[in-house]
Protein backbone atom coordinates (compact mmCIF):
# COMPACT_ATOMS: atom_id res chain seq x y z
CA MET A 1 -24.28 27.55 11.17
CA SER A 2 -26.51 26.77 7.72
CA ILE A 3 -25.15 29.67 5.74
CA LEU A 4 -21.32 29.60 7.03
CA TYR A 5 -21.40 25.81 6.44
CA TRP A 6 -22.79 26.68 2.57
CA PHE A 7 -20.48 29.55 1.85
CA ILE A 8 -17.94 26.99 3.28
CA ILE A 9 -18.47 24.66 0.21
CA ALA A 10 -18.91 26.94 -2.33
CA ILE A 11 -15.66 28.26 -1.86
CA HIS A 12 -14.69 24.19 -1.47
CA VAL A 13 -15.91 23.62 -5.24
CA ILE A 14 -14.88 27.01 -6.58
CA VAL A 15 -11.03 25.94 -5.27
CA SER A 16 -11.74 22.97 -6.71
CA LEU A 17 -12.50 23.69 -9.96
CA THR A 18 -9.57 26.29 -10.14
CA LEU A 19 -7.42 23.04 -8.49
CA ILE A 20 -8.31 21.12 -11.20
CA ALA A 21 -7.66 23.66 -14.62
CA VAL A 22 -4.31 24.89 -12.77
CA ILE A 23 -2.76 21.86 -12.75
CA LEU A 24 -3.99 20.92 -15.99
CA LEU A 25 -2.59 24.25 -17.54
CA GLN A 26 0.41 23.54 -16.52
CA ALA A 27 3.13 21.73 -19.04
CA GLY A 28 4.39 18.07 -17.92
CA ARG A 29 6.27 15.56 -19.58
CA GLY A 30 3.54 15.88 -22.35
CA GLY A 31 3.12 19.62 -22.80
CA GLY A 32 -0.09 19.30 -20.61
CA LEU A 33 -3.45 21.07 -21.80
CA SER A 34 -1.95 24.12 -22.47
CA GLU A 35 0.02 22.75 -25.50
CA THR A 36 -3.18 21.45 -26.96
CA PHE A 37 -5.10 24.68 -27.23
CA GLY A 38 -1.99 26.57 -28.49
CA GLY A 39 1.40 26.33 -26.33
CA SER A 40 1.96 30.01 -26.01
CA SER A 41 -1.17 31.37 -25.18
CA THR A 42 -0.90 30.52 -21.76
CA GLN A 43 2.65 32.52 -21.77
CA THR A 44 1.14 35.61 -23.14
CA LEU A 45 -2.22 35.38 -20.75
CA PHE A 46 0.26 34.99 -17.27
CA GLY A 47 3.49 36.82 -18.68
CA THR A 48 6.74 35.23 -19.15
CA LYS A 49 7.05 33.31 -15.67
CA THR A 50 4.19 31.47 -16.39
CA SER A 51 5.52 27.98 -15.01
CA VAL A 52 6.17 30.21 -11.96
CA PHE A 53 3.04 31.46 -11.42
CA LEU A 54 1.12 28.09 -12.53
CA LYS A 55 3.13 26.21 -9.32
CA ARG A 56 2.32 28.95 -7.06
CA ALA A 57 -1.42 29.37 -7.75
CA THR A 58 -1.37 25.48 -7.27
CA ALA A 59 -0.06 25.48 -3.78
CA ALA A 60 -2.48 28.40 -3.06
CA SER A 61 -5.54 26.66 -4.61
CA ALA A 62 -3.88 22.74 -2.52
CA ILE A 63 -3.54 24.76 0.42
CA ILE A 64 -6.98 25.98 0.81
CA TYR A 65 -8.59 23.08 -0.30
CA ILE A 66 -6.91 20.61 1.93
CA LEU A 67 -8.65 23.67 5.00
CA THR A 68 -11.72 24.01 3.07
CA CYS A 69 -11.69 19.67 3.95
CA LEU A 70 -10.45 19.98 7.11
CA THR A 71 -13.08 23.04 8.09
CA LEU A 72 -16.14 20.79 6.32
CA ALA A 73 -15.14 17.91 8.47
CA VAL A 74 -15.03 19.47 11.62
CA MET A 75 -18.53 21.36 10.88
CA THR A 76 -20.23 18.19 9.52
CA GLY A 77 -18.65 16.08 12.98
CA HIS A 78 -19.94 18.89 15.06
CA ARG A 79 -23.88 18.78 13.41
CA GLY A 80 -23.49 15.11 14.03
CA ARG A 81 -22.62 15.65 17.42
CA SER A 82 -25.50 17.88 18.35
CA LEU A 83 -28.48 15.54 16.53
CA VAL A 84 -27.19 13.25 19.15
CA ALA A 85 -27.25 15.41 21.95
CA THR A 86 -30.86 16.83 21.94
CA THR A 87 -32.18 13.37 21.49
CA PRO A 88 -34.19 12.85 24.95
CA LEU A 89 -32.38 10.13 26.92
CA SER A 90 -34.80 7.74 28.37
CA SER A 91 -35.70 7.34 31.79
CA PRO A 92 -34.28 3.92 33.71
CA MET A 93 -36.33 1.31 34.02
CA THR A 94 -37.82 0.66 37.29
CA GLY A 95 -38.49 -2.74 39.44
CA GLY A 96 -37.32 -6.07 39.09
CA PRO A 97 -35.80 -8.06 36.44
CA VAL A 98 -37.80 -8.67 33.52
CA LYS A 99 -38.09 -12.72 32.85
CA PRO A 100 -36.91 -13.30 29.01
CA GLN A 101 -39.73 -14.00 26.69
CA PRO A 102 -39.55 -17.28 24.99
CA LEU A 103 -39.40 -17.35 21.29
CA PRO A 104 -42.28 -18.22 19.37
CA ASN A 105 -41.08 -21.56 18.62
CA GLU A 106 -39.23 -22.73 21.44
CA PRO A 107 -41.64 -24.73 23.83
CA LEU A 108 -42.18 -22.98 27.29
CA ASP A 109 -40.80 -24.57 30.03
CA PHE A 110 -42.03 -23.64 33.48
């Protein structure tokens, strides 16, 4: 499970960085980060339908990001339960009721 866990973490980090980049490349009200580096460079890089490509890339990255978040949450939850389940249970005490011990500052009453 350890290799699969780290593999999903690697995918999660890559998708996170991709999602950040795709969101920053989109032209919003202010033009986005794509306008800063020369507005037409993203159009020549991705073709004439840049906004369609970036919207689809954003949606795909967001879906993969959410799925990896949920998968990591489930895997981490199972890890926590397995640690608790493997601890040995203490045996119940036998005998009568135990008289509570007085605190050091309390007077002894017999």
